[in-house]
Amino acid sequence: MEQEQEFDMNEAAIETVPWRGSMAEAKTELAEDWQFLVGCEVDVRRGRCLLRTGAIDAATDDGNIVWLSRQGVHERRLLTRADGYDLWVTKLDNQRVLARRDDG
């Protein structure tokens, strides 16, 4: 059986769930342009693990850093591309993100 790795993202506040790429993959797409994700619900993944879901409430102009809003017991969280996180959005949200990028 494949063993999942633990990741350092404040383990007390984040539940690591193995991601197998079933229905979630069919409904979501990898977000390439983080700077346009403000207001979108995202799945935060690292490798094959789903770390958390939430809404993006701020992003840097270069799109390398985003803030995931507070949700329930989970505090607001800074995420960086350099730390190896991937953000996945629904296909509809990804179309909106691409439209924002093309209009800007």
Protein backbone atom coordinates (compact mmCIF):
# COMPACT_ATOMS: atom_id res chain seq x y z
CA MET A 1 0.00 0.00 0.00
CA GLU A 2 1.24 3.46 -0.89
CA GLN A 3 2.24 5.58 2.09
CA GLU A 4 1.34 9.28 2.07
CA GLN A 5 3.89 11.86 3.21
CA GLU A 6 3.26 14.31 6.02
CA PHE A 7 3.61 18.00 5.14
CA ASP A 8 4.49 20.91 7.39
CA MET A 9 1.57 23.35 7.19
CA ASN A 10 0.62 23.74 10.83
CA GLU A 11 -0.44 20.12 11.31
CA ALA A 12 -2.84 21.04 14.13
CA ALA A 13 -4.97 23.15 11.81
CA ILE A 14 -4.86 21.11 8.59
CA GLU A 15 -6.19 17.64 8.00
CA THR A 16 -4.22 15.76 5.34
CA VAL A 17 -6.44 13.56 3.20
CA PRO A 18 -5.07 11.23 0.53
CA TRP A 19 -6.23 12.33 -2.88
CA ARG A 20 -6.86 9.57 -5.38
CA GLY A 21 -7.90 11.71 -8.34
CA SER A 22 -11.37 10.23 -8.83
CA MET A 23 -14.42 12.51 -9.10
CA ALA A 24 -12.52 15.48 -7.67
CA GLU A 25 -10.21 15.49 -10.67
CA ALA A 26 -13.12 15.47 -13.12
CA LYS A 27 -14.77 18.48 -11.46
CA THR A 28 -11.69 20.62 -10.87
CA GLU A 29 -8.76 22.00 -12.81
CA LEU A 30 -5.31 23.12 -11.76
CA ALA A 31 -5.26 26.93 -11.42
CA GLU A 32 -2.29 28.42 -13.24
CA ASP A 33 -2.93 32.13 -12.56
CA TRP A 34 -3.18 32.58 -8.80
CA GLN A 35 -3.44 36.39 -8.94
CA PHE A 36 -6.96 36.09 -10.43
CA LEU A 37 -8.31 33.59 -7.85
CA VAL A 38 -9.66 36.13 -5.35
CA GLY A 39 -13.21 35.07 -4.45
CA CYS A 40 -12.81 31.52 -5.77
CA GLU A 41 -13.23 28.35 -3.72
CA VAL A 42 -10.13 26.18 -4.08
CA ASP A 43 -8.77 22.80 -3.06
CA VAL A 44 -5.24 23.12 -1.70
CA ARG A 45 -3.17 20.11 -2.68
CA ARG A 46 0.43 19.14 -2.34
CA GLY A 47 1.40 16.08 -4.26
CA ARG A 48 -1.43 13.57 -3.96
CA CYS A 49 -2.78 15.00 -0.69
CA LEU A 50 -5.77 17.30 -0.30
CA LEU A 51 -4.77 19.60 2.54
CA ARG A 52 -7.70 21.96 2.79
CA THR A 53 -10.47 23.70 0.91
CA GLY A 54 -11.40 27.34 1.21
CA ALA A 55 -11.83 30.70 -0.46
CA ILE A 56 -9.01 32.92 -1.66
CA ASP A 57 -9.40 36.39 -0.17
CA ALA A 58 -6.17 38.05 -1.37
CA ALA A 59 -3.37 37.49 -3.85
CA THR A 60 -0.13 39.23 -4.79
CA ASP A 61 0.12 40.91 -8.18
CA ASP A 62 2.68 38.37 -9.38
CA GLY A 63 0.43 35.47 -8.33
CA ASN A 64 3.05 33.70 -6.23
CA ILE A 65 1.30 34.20 -2.88
CA VAL A 66 -2.36 33.93 -1.87
CA TRP A 67 -4.29 34.11 1.39
CA LEU A 68 -6.82 31.39 2.11
CA SER A 69 -9.64 32.87 4.20
CA ARG A 70 -10.57 31.72 7.67
CA GLN A 71 -13.10 28.89 7.62
CA GLY A 72 -14.54 27.29 10.74
CA VAL A 73 -11.69 26.27 13.01
CA HIS A 74 -9.11 26.87 10.28
CA GLU A 75 -7.25 30.17 10.57
CA ARG A 76 -6.47 32.43 7.63
CA ARG A 77 -3.45 30.94 5.87
CA LEU A 78 -0.71 32.24 3.58
CA LEU A 79 0.16 29.90 0.70
CA THR A 80 3.12 30.24 -1.65
CA ARG A 81 3.97 28.54 -4.91
CA ALA A 82 7.54 28.14 -3.65
CA ASP A 83 6.27 25.77 -0.94
CA GLY A 84 4.90 23.42 -3.59
CA TYR A 85 1.17 23.95 -3.16
CA ASP A 86 -1.27 23.47 -6.03
CA LEU A 87 -4.63 25.22 -6.12
CA TRP A 88 -7.50 23.49 -7.89
CA VAL A 89 -10.74 25.23 -8.86
CA THR A 90 -13.98 24.14 -10.46
CA LYS A 91 -14.06 24.27 -14.23
CA LEU A 92 -16.52 27.19 -14.09
CA ASP A 93 -14.29 29.19 -11.72
CA ASN A 94 -11.27 28.41 -13.89
CA GLN A 95 -13.12 29.84 -16.92
CA ARG A 96 -13.84 33.00 -14.89
CA VAL A 97 -10.18 33.22 -13.86
CA LEU A 98 -9.06 32.91 -17.49
CA ALA A 99 -11.57 35.61 -18.53
CA ARG A 100 -10.25 37.97 -15.80
CA ARG A 101 -6.70 37.34 -16.97
CA ASP A 102 -7.56 38.00 -20.60
CA ASP A 103 -9.48 41.20 -19.76
CA GLY A 104 -6.66 42.58 -17.62
